[in-house]
Protein backbone atom coordinates (compact mmCIF):
# COMPACT_ATOMS: atom_id res chain seq x y z
CA UNK A 1 0.00 0.00 0.00
CA UNK A 2 1.43 3.36 -1.06
CA UNK A 3 1.44 6.36 1.23
CA UNK A 4 -0.22 9.69 0.46
CA UNK A 5 3.21 11.27 0.59
CA UNK A 6 4.50 8.91 -2.13
CA UNK A 7 1.58 9.81 -4.37
CA UNK A 8 1.97 13.53 -3.75
CA UNK A 9 5.72 13.46 -4.37
CA UNK A 10 5.20 11.55 -7.60
CA UNK A 11 2.59 13.92 -9.10
CA UNK A 12 3.29 17.29 -7.50
CA UNK A 13 4.43 20.17 -9.68
CA UNK A 14 8.16 20.77 -9.28
CA UNK A 15 10.97 22.63 -10.96
CA UNK A 16 13.20 20.80 -13.41
CA UNK A 17 16.40 22.55 -12.33
CA UNK A 18 18.82 23.27 -15.15
CA UNK A 19 21.77 24.29 -13.00
CA UNK A 20 23.04 26.96 -10.63
CA UNK A 21 24.38 30.26 -11.87
CA UNK A 22 27.63 31.26 -10.20
CA UNK A 23 28.66 34.75 -9.15
CA UNK A 24 30.84 35.21 -12.24
CA UNK A 25 27.77 34.61 -14.44
CA UNK A 26 25.73 37.14 -12.48
CA UNK A 27 28.56 39.65 -12.69
CA UNK A 28 28.89 39.12 -16.45
CA UNK A 29 25.13 39.58 -17.02
CA UNK A 30 25.07 42.81 -15.00
CA UNK A 31 28.18 44.06 -16.82
CA UNK A 32 26.55 43.33 -20.18
CA UNK A 33 23.42 45.30 -19.18
CA UNK A 34 25.07 48.30 -17.49
CA UNK A 35 28.05 50.62 -17.85
CA UNK A 36 29.71 49.05 -14.81
CA UNK A 37 32.79 46.89 -15.23
CA UNK A 38 33.10 43.45 -13.66
CA UNK A 39 35.39 44.60 -10.83
CA UNK A 40 32.94 47.30 -9.77
CA UNK A 41 30.07 44.83 -9.78
CA UNK A 42 31.98 42.29 -7.66
CA UNK A 43 32.84 45.07 -5.19
CA UNK A 44 29.19 46.18 -4.97
CA UNK A 45 27.94 42.61 -4.44
CA UNK A 46 30.50 41.96 -1.71
CA UNK A 47 29.70 45.29 -0.04
CA UNK A 48 25.99 44.43 -0.20
CA UNK A 49 26.71 41.12 1.55
CA UNK A 50 28.80 42.83 4.22
CA UNK A 51 26.20 45.58 4.73
CA UNK A 52 23.36 43.10 5.21
CA UNK A 53 25.56 41.22 7.68
CA UNK A 54 26.42 44.44 9.54
CA UNK A 55 22.83 45.56 10.01
CA UNK A 56 21.60 42.05 10.83
CA UNK A 57 24.30 41.78 13.53
CA UNK A 58 22.92 45.05 14.92
CA UNK A 59 19.49 43.31 15.19
CA UNK A 60 18.13 45.30 12.26
CA UNK A 61 16.33 43.94 9.23
CA UNK A 62 17.35 45.09 5.77
CA UNK A 63 14.63 45.81 3.20
CA UNK A 64 15.81 46.15 -0.39
CA UNK A 65 12.94 47.30 -2.57
CA UNK A 66 12.54 44.95 -5.50
CA UNK A 67 14.53 42.16 -3.82
CA UNK A 68 13.08 41.55 -0.37
CA UNK A 69 13.79 41.73 3.33
CA UNK A 70 16.64 40.08 5.22
CA UNK A 71 15.92 39.55 8.93
CA UNK A 72 18.35 38.28 11.56
CA UNK A 73 17.29 35.07 13.28
CA UNK A 74 18.66 32.85 16.04
CA UNK A 75 17.72 29.24 16.78
CA UNK A 76 17.47 27.53 20.16
CA UNK A 77 21.16 26.51 20.00
CA UNK A 78 22.23 30.13 19.59
CA UNK A 79 23.17 29.78 15.90
CA UNK A 80 22.40 32.85 13.83
CA UNK A 81 21.10 32.93 10.30
CA UNK A 82 19.14 35.22 8.01
CA UNK A 83 15.52 34.80 7.03
CA UNK A 84 14.77 36.08 3.55
CA UNK A 85 11.31 37.28 2.55
CA UNK A 86 10.92 37.85 -1.18
CA UNK A 87 9.63 41.20 -2.41
CA UNK A 88 6.01 40.92 -3.61
CA UNK A 89 6.88 42.44 -6.99
CA UNK A 90 9.69 39.95 -7.53
CA UNK A 91 7.33 37.11 -6.67
CA UNK A 92 4.74 38.42 -9.14
CA UNK A 93 7.37 38.61 -11.87
CA UNK A 94 8.31 34.96 -11.27
CA UNK A 95 4.68 33.91 -11.65
CA UNK A 96 4.26 35.47 -15.10
CA UNK A 97 3.47 33.68 -17.34
CA UNK A 98 1.75 30.90 -15.39
CA UNK A 99 2.98 28.18 -17.76
CA UNK A 100 6.70 27.57 -17.46
CA UNK A 101 8.52 24.92 -19.51
CA UNK A 102 10.69 24.15 -16.48
CA UNK A 103 7.76 22.96 -14.33
CA UNK A 104 7.30 19.21 -14.28
CA UNK A 105 3.75 17.91 -13.74
CA UNK A 106 2.37 21.38 -14.49
CA UNK A 107 -0.95 19.74 -15.41
CA UNK A 108 -1.45 18.93 -11.71
CA UNK A 109 -1.20 22.54 -10.50
CA UNK A 110 -4.23 23.29 -8.35
CA UNK A 111 -5.25 19.68 -7.75
CA UNK A 112 -6.23 18.70 -4.23
CA UNK A 113 -4.61 15.89 -2.27
CA UNK A 114 -7.72 13.78 -2.83
CA UNK A 115 -7.52 14.33 -6.61
CA UNK A 116 -3.87 13.27 -6.60
CA UNK A 117 -4.77 10.11 -4.63
CA UNK A 118 -7.48 9.25 -7.19
CA UNK A 119 -4.93 9.74 -9.99
CA UNK A 120 -2.38 7.54 -8.19
CA UNK A 121 -4.92 4.79 -7.52
CA UNK A 122 -6.04 4.79 -11.18
CA UNK A 123 -2.46 4.50 -12.45
CA UNK A 124 -1.22 2.15 -9.69
CA UNK A 125 -4.07 -0.30 -9.00
CA UNK A 126 -1.60 -2.82 -7.56
CA UNK A 127 -0.30 -0.27 -5.00
CA UNK A 128 -3.25 1.95 -3.97
CA UNK A 129 -3.29 4.69 -1.38
CA UNK A 130 -5.78 3.79 1.36
């Protein structure tokens, strides 16, 4: 007997990742689109990192319009990290258009858990979800 989790993981929409862009690629793209040279862009990105760290260490959040908010956080062990909350405009831009060729199982977007279970049971009669 299959679990609901197995069925959901099999049919859920997910991103078909094509790789991770490295800093040098980001720097090159910005350089191609602006009048800044690569060294200036690297310096700005590193200063941005250090500035977010500085203000977060001072128990201050950092809101960058168009990017999001970076808030300092501490867990029960005393380890610090940063919580990132995406800017609403950035999120909207990611969701346009709704169909994306990099989304696997896009046809299942919006289906309920019960609908996914029915789909699983129809396609896996020998291993149904109870």
